[in-house]
Amino acid sequence: MKLNVVKQAQGPGGVWKSNLKWNAHWVKEWHIKKLYVPVWRKVWTPVDVREWIPFPSPPPL
């Protein structure tokens, strides 16, 4: 489930930007042969990357 929540922070104006990024990591599983044998499997999981985007300052007059 992805939630796009924008919160205001103190100080200069800006917004929080949320991106969903997929990262891979390795998971060990146990397969039954005559003995239990460890098998490593690559699994992709989502990661929520949050970044503060400040509003641009106005141009000088």
PDB file of N, CA and C in Angstrom:
ATOM      1  N   MET A   1       0.847  -1.167   0.000  1.00  0.00           N
ATOM      2  CA  MET A   1       0.000   0.000   0.000  1.00  0.00           C
ATOM      3  C   MET A   1       0.894   1.233   0.000  1.00  0.00           C
ATOM      4  N   LYS A   2       0.622   2.171  -0.871  1.00  0.00           N
ATOM      5  CA  LYS A   2       1.418   3.388  -0.973  1.00  0.00           C
ATOM      6  C   LYS A   2       0.563   4.569  -0.557  1.00  0.00           C
ATOM      7  N   LEU A   3       1.076   5.332   0.400  1.00  0.00           N
ATOM      8  CA  LEU A   3       0.377   6.516   0.860  1.00  0.00           C
ATOM      9  C   LEU A   3       1.168   7.743   0.436  1.00  0.00           C
ATOM     10  N   ASN A   4       0.518   8.678  -0.220  1.00  0.00           N
ATOM     11  CA  ASN A   4       1.162   9.937  -0.578  1.00  0.00           C
ATOM     12  C   ASN A   4       0.724  10.980   0.434  1.00  0.00           C
ATOM     13  N   VAL A   5       1.521  11.137   1.470  1.00  0.00           N
ATOM     14  CA  VAL A   5       1.204  12.079   2.530  1.00  0.00           C
ATOM     15  C   VAL A   5       2.161  13.253   2.410  1.00  0.00           C
ATOM     16  N   VAL A   6       1.612  14.454   2.358  1.00  0.00           N
ATOM     17  CA  VAL A   6       2.433  15.661   2.282  1.00  0.00           C
ATOM     18  C   VAL A   6       2.295  16.390   3.603  1.00  0.00           C
ATOM     19  N   LYS A   7       3.426  16.641   4.278  1.00  0.00           N
ATOM     20  CA  LYS A   7       3.421  17.340   5.559  1.00  0.00           C
ATOM     21  C   LYS A   7       4.221  18.627   5.422  1.00  0.00           C
ATOM     22  N   GLN A   8       3.827  19.641   6.156  1.00  0.00           N
ATOM     23  CA  GLN A   8       4.563  20.901   6.174  1.00  0.00           C
ATOM     24  C   GLN A   8       5.570  20.873   7.312  1.00  0.00           C
ATOM     25  N   ALA A   9       6.771  21.334   7.070  1.00  0.00           N
ATOM     26  CA  ALA A   9       7.810  21.408   8.095  1.00  0.00           C
ATOM     27  C   ALA A   9       8.000  22.861   8.500  1.00  0.00           C
ATOM     28  N   GLN A  10       8.660  23.061   9.650  1.00  0.00           N
ATOM     29  CA  GLN A  10       8.929  24.421  10.092  1.00  0.00           C
ATOM     30  C   GLN A  10      10.041  25.013   9.242  1.00  0.00           C
ATOM     31  N   GLY A  11      10.099  26.342   9.216  1.00  0.00           N
ATOM     32  CA  GLY A  11      11.152  27.009   8.465  1.00  0.00           C
ATOM     33  C   GLY A  11      10.676  27.359   7.072  1.00  0.00           C
ATOM     34  N   PRO A  12      11.621  27.478   6.125  1.00  0.00           N
ATOM     35  CA  PRO A  12      11.240  27.840   4.760  1.00  0.00           C
ATOM     36  C   PRO A  12      10.285  26.810   4.158  1.00  0.00           C
ATOM     37  N   GLY A  13       9.438  27.279   3.266  1.00  0.00           N
ATOM     38  CA  GLY A  13       8.415  26.418   2.695  1.00  0.00           C
ATOM     39  C   GLY A  13       8.974  25.326   1.805  1.00  0.00           C
ATOM     40  N   GLY A  14       8.208  24.280   1.692  1.00  0.00           N
ATOM     41  CA  GLY A  14       8.580  23.153   0.852  1.00  0.00           C
ATOM     42  C   GLY A  14       7.602  22.018   1.065  1.00  0.00           C
ATOM     43  N   VAL A  15       7.820  20.924   0.387  1.00  0.00           N
ATOM     44  CA  VAL A  15       6.950  19.753   0.521  1.00  0.00           C
ATOM     45  C   VAL A  15       7.814  18.504   0.610  1.00  0.00           C
ATOM     46  N   TRP A  16       7.256  17.458   1.201  1.00  0.00           N
ATOM     47  CA  TRP A  16       7.896  16.145   1.214  1.00  0.00           C
ATOM     48  C   TRP A  16       7.436  15.396  -0.021  1.00  0.00           C
ATOM     49  N   LYS A  17       8.387  14.875  -0.799  1.00  0.00           N
ATOM     50  CA  LYS A  17       8.069  14.080  -1.980  1.00  0.00           C
ATOM     51  C   LYS A  17       8.393  12.626  -1.661  1.00  0.00           C
ATOM     52  N   SER A  18       7.481  11.737  -1.989  1.00  0.00           N
ATOM     53  CA  SER A  18       7.642  10.322  -1.681  1.00  0.00           C
ATOM     54  C   SER A  18       7.730   9.527  -2.973  1.00  0.00           C
ATOM     55  N   ASN A  19       8.807   8.760  -3.125  1.00  0.00           N
ATOM     56  CA  ASN A  19       8.988   7.907  -4.304  1.00  0.00           C
ATOM     57  C   ASN A  19       9.061   6.455  -3.865  1.00  0.00           C
ATOM     58  N   LEU A  20       8.484   5.579  -4.637  1.00  0.00           N
ATOM     59  CA  LEU A  20       8.559   4.149  -4.371  1.00  0.00           C
ATOM     60  C   LEU A  20       9.655   3.558  -5.250  1.00  0.00           C
ATOM     61  N   LYS A  21      10.656   2.945  -4.614  1.00  0.00           N
ATOM     62  CA  LYS A  21      11.802   2.391  -5.322  1.00  0.00           C
ATOM     63  C   LYS A  21      11.897   0.910  -4.964  1.00  0.00           C
ATOM     64  N   TRP A  22      12.282   0.073  -5.920  1.00  0.00           N
ATOM     65  CA  TRP A  22      12.397  -1.362  -5.680  1.00  0.00           C
ATOM     66  C   TRP A  22      13.861  -1.734  -5.488  1.00  0.00           C
ATOM     67  N   ASN A  23      14.166  -2.385  -4.360  1.00  0.00           N
ATOM     68  CA  ASN A  23      15.523  -2.843  -4.066  1.00  0.00           C
ATOM     69  C   ASN A  23      15.537  -4.359  -3.956  1.00  0.00           C
ATOM     70  N   ALA A  24      16.672  -4.947  -4.313  1.00  0.00           N
ATOM     71  CA  ALA A  24      16.828  -6.402  -4.222  1.00  0.00           C
ATOM     72  C   ALA A  24      17.653  -6.746  -2.993  1.00  0.00           C
ATOM     73  N   HIS A  25      17.303  -7.827  -2.334  1.00  0.00           N
ATOM     74  CA  HIS A  25      18.135  -8.370  -1.266  1.00  0.00           C
ATOM     75  C   HIS A  25      18.018  -9.890  -1.299  1.00  0.00           C
ATOM     76  N   TRP A  26      18.949 -10.548  -0.606  1.00  0.00           N
ATOM     77  CA  TRP A  26      19.020 -12.003  -0.637  1.00  0.00           C
ATOM     78  C   TRP A  26      18.367 -12.591   0.605  1.00  0.00           C
ATOM     79  N   VAL A  27      17.577 -13.657   0.411  1.00  0.00           N
ATOM     80  CA  VAL A  27      16.884 -14.356   1.495  1.00  0.00           C
ATOM     81  C   VAL A  27      17.319 -15.815   1.467  1.00  0.00           C
ATOM     82  N   LYS A  28      17.641 -16.341   2.656  1.00  0.00           N
ATOM     83  CA  LYS A  28      18.046 -17.752   2.733  1.00  0.00           C
ATOM     84  C   LYS A  28      16.812 -18.613   2.994  1.00  0.00           C
ATOM     85  N   GLU A  29      16.633 -19.634   2.171  1.00  0.00           N
ATOM     86  CA  GLU A  29      15.554 -20.605   2.347  1.00  0.00           C
ATOM     87  C   GLU A  29      16.174 -21.976   2.541  1.00  0.00           C
ATOM     88  N   TRP A  30      15.437 -22.857   3.167  1.00  0.00           N
ATOM     89  CA  TRP A  30      15.930 -24.215   3.416  1.00  0.00           C
ATOM     90  C   TRP A  30      15.125 -25.194   2.582  1.00  0.00           C
ATOM     91  N   HIS A  31      15.808 -25.932   1.692  1.00  0.00           N
ATOM     92  CA  HIS A  31      15.168 -26.962   0.874  1.00  0.00           C
ATOM     93  C   HIS A  31      15.468 -28.327   1.483  1.00  0.00           C
ATOM     94  N   ILE A  32      14.492 -29.200   1.435  1.00  0.00           N
ATOM     95  CA  ILE A  32      14.663 -30.537   2.000  1.00  0.00           C
ATOM     96  C   ILE A  32      15.170 -31.473   0.911  1.00  0.00           C
ATOM     97  N   LYS A  33      16.361 -31.975   1.098  1.00  0.00           N
ATOM     98  CA  LYS A  33      16.908 -33.040   0.249  1.00  0.00           C
ATOM     99  C   LYS A  33      17.028 -34.241   1.194  1.00  0.00           C
ATOM    100  N   LYS A  34      18.178 -34.871   1.254  1.00  0.00           N
ATOM    101  CA  LYS A  34      18.396 -35.856   2.312  1.00  0.00           C
ATOM    102  C   LYS A  34      18.625 -35.124   3.629  1.00  0.00           C
ATOM    103  N   LEU A  35      19.196 -33.940   3.508  1.00  0.00           N
ATOM    104  CA  LEU A  35      19.359 -33.025   4.641  1.00  0.00           C
ATOM    105  C   LEU A  35      18.750 -31.689   4.232  1.00  0.00           C
ATOM    106  N   TYR A  36      18.662 -30.790   5.184  1.00  0.00           N
ATOM    107  CA  TYR A  36      18.225 -29.441   4.835  1.00  0.00           C
ATOM    108  C   TYR A  36      19.388 -28.712   4.168  1.00  0.00           C
ATOM    109  N   VAL A  37      19.130 -28.137   3.008  1.00  0.00           N
ATOM    110  CA  VAL A  37      20.165 -27.456   2.235  1.00  0.00           C
ATOM    111  C   VAL A  37      19.784 -25.979   2.133  1.00  0.00           C
ATOM    112  N   PRO A  38      20.699 -25.076   2.517  1.00  0.00           N
ATOM    113  CA  PRO A  38      20.369 -23.648   2.376  1.00  0.00           C
ATOM    114  C   PRO A  38      20.446 -23.210   0.920  1.00  0.00           C
ATOM    115  N   VAL A  39      19.462 -22.450   0.497  1.00  0.00           N
ATOM    116  CA  VAL A  39      19.410 -21.919  -0.864  1.00  0.00           C
ATOM    117  C   VAL A  39      19.142 -20.422  -0.752  1.00  0.00           C
ATOM    118  N   TRP A  40      19.964 -19.633  -1.425  1.00  0.00           N
ATOM    119  CA  TRP A  40      19.787 -18.185  -1.406  1.00  0.00           C
ATOM    120  C   TRP A  40      18.949 -17.766  -2.606  1.00  0.00           C
ATOM    121  N   ARG A  41      17.989 -16.885  -2.346  1.00  0.00           N
ATOM    122  CA  ARG A  41      17.073 -16.423  -3.384  1.00  0.00           C
ATOM    123  C   ARG A  41      17.036 -14.898  -3.368  1.00  0.00           C
ATOM    124  N   LYS A  42      17.005 -14.296  -4.544  1.00  0.00           N
ATOM    125  CA  LYS A  42      16.940 -12.842  -4.660  1.00  0.00           C
ATOM    126  C   LYS A  42      15.484 -12.398  -4.604  1.00  0.00           C
ATOM    127  N   VAL A  43      15.184 -11.459  -3.706  1.00  0.00           N
ATOM    128  CA  VAL A  43      13.816 -10.985  -3.504  1.00  0.00           C
ATOM    129  C   VAL A  43      13.798  -9.472  -3.703  1.00  0.00           C
ATOM    130  N   TRP A  44      12.789  -8.987  -4.406  1.00  0.00           N
ATOM    131  CA  TRP A  44      12.628  -7.547  -4.625  1.00  0.00           C
ATOM    132  C   TRP A  44      11.555  -7.016  -3.692  1.00  0.00           C
ATOM    133  N   THR A  45      11.873  -5.941  -2.965  1.00  0.00           N
ATOM    134  CA  THR A  45      10.915  -5.333  -2.044  1.00  0.00           C
ATOM    135  C   THR A  45      10.856  -3.829  -2.291  1.00  0.00           C
ATOM    136  N   PRO A  46       9.689  -3.228  -2.074  1.00  0.00           N
ATOM    137  CA  PRO A  46       9.578  -1.781  -2.267  1.00  0.00           C
ATOM    138  C   PRO A  46      10.171  -1.015  -1.079  1.00  0.00           C
ATOM    139  N   VAL A  47      10.777   0.129  -1.381  1.00  0.00           N
ATOM    140  CA  VAL A  47      11.324   1.018  -0.358  1.00  0.00           C
ATOM    141  C   VAL A  47      10.764   2.408  -0.619  1.00  0.00           C
ATOM    142  N   ASP A  48      10.232   3.042   0.427  1.00  0.00           N
ATOM    143  CA  ASP A  48       9.682   4.384   0.295  1.00  0.00           C
ATOM    144  C   ASP A  48      10.804   5.387   0.542  1.00  0.00           C
ATOM    145  N   VAL A  49      11.188   6.144  -0.488  1.00  0.00           N
ATOM    146  CA  VAL A  49      12.252   7.146  -0.379  1.00  0.00           C
ATOM    147  C   VAL A  49      11.584   8.506  -0.260  1.00  0.00           C
ATOM    148  N   ARG A  50      11.822   9.190   0.884  1.00  0.00           N
ATOM    149  CA  ARG A  50      11.213  10.500   1.114  1.00  0.00           C
ATOM    150  C   ARG A  50      12.276  11.576   0.995  1.00  0.00           C
ATOM    151  N   GLU A  51      11.922  12.673   0.320  1.00  0.00           N
ATOM    152  CA  GLU A  51      12.864  13.756   0.070  1.00  0.00           C
ATOM    153  C   GLU A  51      12.160  15.088   0.296  1.00  0.00           C
ATOM    154  N   TRP A  52      12.847  16.026   0.985  1.00  0.00           N
ATOM    155  CA  TRP A  52      12.298  17.362   1.224  1.00  0.00           C
ATOM    156  C   TRP A  52      12.627  18.242   0.027  1.00  0.00           C
ATOM    157  N   ILE A  53      11.596  18.791  -0.627  1.00  0.00           N
ATOM    158  CA  ILE A  53      11.767  19.665  -1.785  1.00  0.00           C
ATOM    159  C   ILE A  53      11.407  21.084  -1.339  1.00  0.00           C
ATOM    160  N   PRO A  54      12.405  21.981  -1.159  1.00  0.00           N
ATOM    161  CA  PRO A  54      12.082  23.355  -0.764  1.00  0.00           C
ATOM    162  C   PRO A  54      11.517  24.144  -1.946  1.00  0.00           C
ATOM    163  N   PHE A  55      10.655  25.109  -1.637  1.00  0.00           N
ATOM    164  CA  PHE A  55      10.135  25.986  -2.677  1.00  0.00           C
ATOM    165  C   PHE A  55      11.270  26.888  -3.151  1.00  0.00           C
ATOM    166  N   PRO A  56      11.338  27.187  -4.454  1.00  0.00           N
ATOM    167  CA  PRO A  56      12.402  28.078  -4.926  1.00  0.00           C
ATOM    168  C   PRO A  56      12.201  29.491  -4.382  1.00  0.00           C
ATOM    169  N   SER A  57      13.313  30.171  -4.108  1.00  0.00           N
ATOM    170  CA  SER A  57      13.216  31.546  -3.606  1.00  0.00           C
ATOM    171  C   SER A  57      12.841  32.473  -4.761  1.00  0.00           C
ATOM    172  N   PRO A  58      12.127  33.566  -4.458  1.00  0.00           N
ATOM    173  CA  PRO A  58      11.721  34.478  -5.536  1.00  0.00           C
ATOM    174  C   PRO A  58      12.936  35.196  -6.118  1.00  0.00           C
ATOM    175  N   PRO A  59      12.878  35.559  -7.397  1.00  0.00           N
ATOM    176  CA  PRO A  59      14.014  36.256  -8.006  1.00  0.00           C
ATOM    177  C   PRO A  59      14.157  37.663  -7.418  1.00  0.00           C
ATOM    178  N   PRO A  60      15.387  38.183  -7.357  1.00  0.00           N
ATOM    179  CA  PRO A  60      15.569  39.548  -6.833  1.00  0.00           C
ATOM    180  C   PRO A  60      14.969  40.580  -7.792  1.00  0.00           C
ATOM    181  N   LEU A  61      14.536  41.684  -7.214  1.00  0.00           N
ATOM    182  CA  LEU A  61      13.922  42.740  -8.038  1.00  0.00           C
ATOM    183  C   LEU A  61      14.951  43.694  -8.566  1.00  0.00           C
TER     184      LEU A  61
END
